Structures are given as structure tokens and as C-alpha cells.
Amino acid sequence: MRTIPISTLMLCVMLSSASATTAKSAACDVSREACVALTDHAIVSLDISPKPVRAMKELFFSVTVKGARIRGPLLLMLFMPGMYMGRNEVELKQAPDGSFTGRGIIPRCPTGKNLWQADIAIPDHGSVSYRFYVNY
């Protein structure tokens, strides 16, 4: 019996159910692998390192867009769903390989909640959202 990696199955589900203009809150485990979403026929992946992703540590954010030609920079907005944690934005500059990279910090929530969301607007191609948990 042949097995298919869960990440491949998740990508197929996301690609079949994503909106043409906005992929909303694709849940992912960014502490294990890159998160993937689709918007306007572009595949957008978000990766955060080092892994596991921890609050209050400097993090390296990397976004790759396949299927569309994008000029940077891009803006990654981090927030907690349902809780205001201040403005937290990371400017992603285009690297020579075509990816977009930047550094930032995810703060620790005083309530102990650890669900975060990253929103990225892709010029002329809609936007993507990713929800993920951060380790403390």
C-alpha cells in the first residue's frame, strides 16, 4: 500500500477549496513545515525558522510565490485572532532567489494563548492568511 504525506493531502484540499482572490486562515503546523495557500492561481508558502517557532525569539520569515511574478517588498502582518497584541508587521524584501524574507519577533501573550495569524497581501493576486501555534 502506498502512503501519501499529510502535507500533500492538505495542499490538495487547500487548492480545491481556496477562493480565487483570498485564501482564508489556512491552518498549518509551521513548527514542522512550511504552510501553503492558494490565491488567484498563485501558490504561496510561508516558512518560519528556527523550528520549533517560539515566542520572544528573533524569527526568520520566508515567503515563496509560485505561479505569479511578484515584485517586493511584501508586508507580513502578525496578530492573535480575537486579541489585540499591538501592531506587528514584518517587511519582506525580495531575495536573489525570488523569495521574500525578513526578521521579526512574535510576542508572548500574557493570557498564555498561543494561536497566531499571519496575513500577507500579494499585489494584484489577493491575499493569504495562515493560522498557527507558537511555542512558549
C-alpha atoms as a PDB file:
ATOM      1  CA  MET A   1       0.000   0.000   0.000  1.00  0.00           C
ATOM      2  CA  ARG A   2       1.348   3.403  -0.982  1.00  0.00           C
ATOM      3  CA  THR A   3       1.118   6.247   1.548  1.00  0.00           C
ATOM      4  CA  ILE A   4       0.771   9.930   0.768  1.00  0.00           C
ATOM      5  CA  PRO A   5       2.342  12.516   3.103  1.00  0.00           C
ATOM      6  CA  ILE A   6      -0.238  14.532   5.078  1.00  0.00           C
ATOM      7  CA  SER A   7       1.263  17.777   3.752  1.00  0.00           C
ATOM      8  CA  THR A   8       0.457  16.650   0.191  1.00  0.00           C
ATOM      9  CA  LEU A   9      -3.127  15.837   1.152  1.00  0.00           C
ATOM     10  CA  MET A  10      -3.519  19.196   2.906  1.00  0.00           C
ATOM     11  CA  LEU A  11      -2.219  21.015  -0.186  1.00  0.00           C
ATOM     12  CA  CYS A  12      -4.745  19.205  -2.390  1.00  0.00           C
ATOM     13  CA  VAL A  13      -7.600  20.133  -0.048  1.00  0.00           C
ATOM     14  CA  MET A  14      -6.469  23.767   0.123  1.00  0.00           C
ATOM     15  CA  LEU A  15      -6.051  24.014  -3.646  1.00  0.00           C
ATOM     16  CA  SER A  16      -9.516  22.593  -4.266  1.00  0.00           C
ATOM     17  CA  SER A  17     -11.288  24.772  -1.687  1.00  0.00           C
ATOM     18  CA  ALA A  18      -9.395  28.091  -1.881  1.00  0.00           C
ATOM     19  CA  SER A  19     -11.062  31.233  -3.172  1.00  0.00           C
ATOM     20  CA  ALA A  20      -9.792  32.862  -6.355  1.00  0.00           C
ATOM     21  CA  THR A  21      -8.933  36.075  -4.535  1.00  0.00           C
ATOM     22  CA  THR A  22      -8.309  35.245  -0.890  1.00  0.00           C
ATOM     23  CA  ALA A  23      -7.204  32.115   0.919  1.00  0.00           C
ATOM     24  CA  LYS A  24      -8.533  32.494   4.449  1.00  0.00           C
ATOM     25  CA  SER A  25      -6.896  31.077   7.536  1.00  0.00           C
ATOM     26  CA  ALA A  26      -5.165  28.022   6.206  1.00  0.00           C
ATOM     27  CA  ALA A  27      -4.333  26.097   9.386  1.00  0.00           C
ATOM     28  CA  CYS A  28      -0.831  24.718   9.457  1.00  0.00           C
ATOM     29  CA  ASP A  29       1.939  23.465  11.686  1.00  0.00           C
ATOM     30  CA  VAL A  30       4.670  25.954  10.819  1.00  0.00           C
ATOM     31  CA  SER A  31       6.852  24.467  13.565  1.00  0.00           C
ATOM     32  CA  ARG A  32       7.147  21.339  11.406  1.00  0.00           C
ATOM     33  CA  GLU A  33       6.944  22.526   7.788  1.00  0.00           C
ATOM     34  CA  ALA A  34       6.099  25.462   5.532  1.00  0.00           C
ATOM     35  CA  CYS A  35       2.436  26.486   5.289  1.00  0.00           C
ATOM     36  CA  VAL A  36       0.875  26.621   1.826  1.00  0.00           C
ATOM     37  CA  ALA A  37      -2.151  28.522   0.457  1.00  0.00           C
ATOM     38  CA  LEU A  38      -3.500  29.475  -2.964  1.00  0.00           C
ATOM     39  CA  THR A  39      -4.659  32.855  -4.190  1.00  0.00           C
ATOM     40  CA  ASP A  40      -5.570  33.852  -7.732  1.00  0.00           C
ATOM     41  CA  HIS A  41      -3.700  30.895  -9.240  1.00  0.00           C
ATOM     42  CA  ALA A  42      -0.524  31.546  -7.253  1.00  0.00           C
ATOM     43  CA  ILE A  43       0.783  29.095  -4.663  1.00  0.00           C
ATOM     44  CA  VAL A  44       2.093  30.987  -1.636  1.00  0.00           C
ATOM     45  CA  SER A  45       4.157  29.292   1.061  1.00  0.00           C
ATOM     46  CA  LEU A  46       5.180  30.719   4.427  1.00  0.00           C
ATOM     47  CA  ASP A  47       8.056  29.280   6.406  1.00  0.00           C
ATOM     48  CA  ILE A  48       9.337  30.461   9.779  1.00  0.00           C
ATOM     49  CA  SER A  49      12.617  29.417  11.362  1.00  0.00           C
ATOM     50  CA  PRO A  50      14.218  28.356  13.583  1.00  0.00           C
ATOM     51  CA  LYS A  51      11.908  25.471  14.408  1.00  0.00           C
ATOM     52  CA  PRO A  52      10.048  24.977  16.618  1.00  0.00           C
ATOM     53  CA  VAL A  53       8.669  28.508  16.304  1.00  0.00           C
ATOM     54  CA  ARG A  54       8.929  30.207  19.695  1.00  0.00           C
ATOM     55  CA  ALA A  55       7.620  33.480  21.062  1.00  0.00           C
ATOM     56  CA  MET A  56      10.065  36.189  22.161  1.00  0.00           C
ATOM     57  CA  LYS A  57      12.857  34.920  19.894  1.00  0.00           C
ATOM     58  CA  GLU A  58      14.087  36.507  16.674  1.00  0.00           C
ATOM     59  CA  LEU A  59      12.491  34.622  13.781  1.00  0.00           C
ATOM     60  CA  PHE A  60      13.305  34.426  10.083  1.00  0.00           C
ATOM     61  CA  PHE A  61      10.218  34.633   7.828  1.00  0.00           C
ATOM     62  CA  SER A  62      10.342  33.389   4.245  1.00  0.00           C
ATOM     63  CA  VAL A  63       7.548  33.617   1.656  1.00  0.00           C
ATOM     64  CA  THR A  64       7.682  31.959  -1.747  1.00  0.00           C
ATOM     65  CA  VAL A  65       5.167  32.724  -4.506  1.00  0.00           C
ATOM     66  CA  LYS A  66       4.877  30.239  -7.379  1.00  0.00           C
ATOM     67  CA  GLY A  67       2.785  30.795 -10.479  1.00  0.00           C
ATOM     68  CA  ALA A  68       2.900  34.592 -10.381  1.00  0.00           C
ATOM     69  CA  ARG A  69       5.581  37.198 -10.918  1.00  0.00           C
ATOM     70  CA  ILE A  70       5.672  39.447  -7.853  1.00  0.00           C
ATOM     71  CA  ARG A  71       7.806  42.463  -7.119  1.00  0.00           C
ATOM     72  CA  GLY A  72       8.551  43.228  -3.487  1.00  0.00           C
ATOM     73  CA  PRO A  73       8.632  44.157  -0.824  1.00  0.00           C
ATOM     74  CA  LEU A  74       5.692  42.341   0.803  1.00  0.00           C
ATOM     75  CA  LEU A  75       4.219  43.088   4.214  1.00  0.00           C
ATOM     76  CA  LEU A  76       3.533  40.251   6.652  1.00  0.00           C
ATOM     77  CA  MET A  77       1.093  41.207   9.418  1.00  0.00           C
ATOM     78  CA  LEU A  78       1.087  39.098  12.594  1.00  0.00           C
ATOM     79  CA  PHE A  79      -1.751  39.136  15.099  1.00  0.00           C
ATOM     80  CA  MET A  80      -3.716  36.987  17.525  1.00  0.00           C
ATOM     81  CA  PRO A  81      -7.290  36.250  16.399  1.00  0.00           C
ATOM     82  CA  GLY A  82      -9.676  37.893  18.874  1.00  0.00           C
ATOM     83  CA  MET A  83      -6.990  39.634  20.931  1.00  0.00           C
ATOM     84  CA  TYR A  84      -5.179  42.888  20.232  1.00  0.00           C
ATOM     85  CA  MET A  85      -1.442  42.440  20.769  1.00  0.00           C
ATOM     86  CA  GLY A  86      -0.313  45.672  19.174  1.00  0.00           C
ATOM     87  CA  ARG A  87       0.849  46.216  15.635  1.00  0.00           C
ATOM     88  CA  ASN A  88       3.336  43.590  14.492  1.00  0.00           C
ATOM     89  CA  GLU A  89       4.496  43.816  10.880  1.00  0.00           C
ATOM     90  CA  VAL A  90       7.495  42.347   9.097  1.00  0.00           C
ATOM     91  CA  GLU A  91       8.714  43.818   5.815  1.00  0.00           C
ATOM     92  CA  LEU A  92       9.700  41.006   3.479  1.00  0.00           C
ATOM     93  CA  LYS A  93      12.338  42.006   0.938  1.00  0.00           C
ATOM     94  CA  GLN A  94      12.887  40.106  -2.266  1.00  0.00           C
ATOM     95  CA  ALA A  95      15.937  37.833  -2.182  1.00  0.00           C
ATOM     96  CA  PRO A  96      18.009  36.928  -5.281  1.00  0.00           C
ATOM     97  CA  ASP A  97      16.249  33.530  -5.496  1.00  0.00           C
ATOM     98  CA  GLY A  98      12.848  35.268  -5.811  1.00  0.00           C
ATOM     99  CA  SER A  99      11.639  34.516  -2.291  1.00  0.00           C
ATOM    100  CA  PHE A 100      10.734  37.268   0.181  1.00  0.00           C
ATOM    101  CA  THR A 101      12.478  37.304   3.553  1.00  0.00           C
ATOM    102  CA  GLY A 102      12.528  39.285   6.764  1.00  0.00           C
ATOM    103  CA  ARG A 103      13.115  39.060  10.510  1.00  0.00           C
ATOM    104  CA  GLY A 104      10.739  39.681  13.378  1.00  0.00           C
ATOM    105  CA  ILE A 105       9.527  38.595  16.808  1.00  0.00           C
ATOM    106  CA  ILE A 106       6.208  37.118  17.899  1.00  0.00           C
ATOM    107  CA  PRO A 107       5.442  38.368  21.414  1.00  0.00           C
ATOM    108  CA  ARG A 108       4.218  36.161  24.225  1.00  0.00           C
ATOM    109  CA  CYS A 109       0.592  36.651  25.166  1.00  0.00           C
ATOM    110  CA  PRO A 110       0.110  37.288  28.913  1.00  0.00           C
ATOM    111  CA  THR A 111      -3.016  35.067  28.878  1.00  0.00           C
ATOM    112  CA  GLY A 112      -0.998  32.062  27.695  1.00  0.00           C
ATOM    113  CA  LYS A 113      -2.868  31.754  24.401  1.00  0.00           C
ATOM    114  CA  ASN A 114      -0.616  30.817  21.512  1.00  0.00           C
ATOM    115  CA  LEU A 115      -2.738  30.871  18.321  1.00  0.00           C
ATOM    116  CA  TRP A 116      -1.398  33.429  15.849  1.00  0.00           C
ATOM    117  CA  GLN A 117      -2.337  34.519  12.348  1.00  0.00           C
ATOM    118  CA  ALA A 118      -0.109  35.804   9.558  1.00  0.00           C
ATOM    119  CA  ASP A 119      -1.707  37.820   6.730  1.00  0.00           C
ATOM    120  CA  ILE A 120       0.167  38.635   3.534  1.00  0.00           C
ATOM    121  CA  ALA A 121      -1.189  40.835   0.736  1.00  0.00           C
ATOM    122  CA  ILE A 122       0.105  39.757  -2.679  1.00  0.00           C
ATOM    123  CA  PRO A 123      -0.133  42.749  -5.071  1.00  0.00           C
ATOM    124  CA  ASP A 124      -2.540  42.026  -7.958  1.00  0.00           C
ATOM    125  CA  HIS A 125      -3.107  38.472  -6.660  1.00  0.00           C
ATOM    126  CA  GLY A 126      -5.210  38.820  -3.483  1.00  0.00           C
ATOM    127  CA  SER A 127      -4.062  37.858  -0.023  1.00  0.00           C
ATOM    128  CA  VAL A 128      -3.363  34.797   2.092  1.00  0.00           C
ATOM    129  CA  SER A 129      -3.838  34.059   5.782  1.00  0.00           C
ATOM    130  CA  TYR A 130      -2.230  31.360   7.867  1.00  0.00           C
ATOM    131  CA  ARG A 131      -3.144  30.319  11.427  1.00  0.00           C
ATOM    132  CA  PHE A 132      -0.543  28.527  13.508  1.00  0.00           C
ATOM    133  CA  TYR A 133       0.502  27.904  17.081  1.00  0.00           C
ATOM    134  CA  VAL A 134       3.629  29.349  18.690  1.00  0.00           C
ATOM    135  CA  ASN A 135       5.566  27.545  21.415  1.00  0.00           C
ATOM    136  CA  TYR A 136       6.380  29.253  24.715  1.00  0.00           C
END
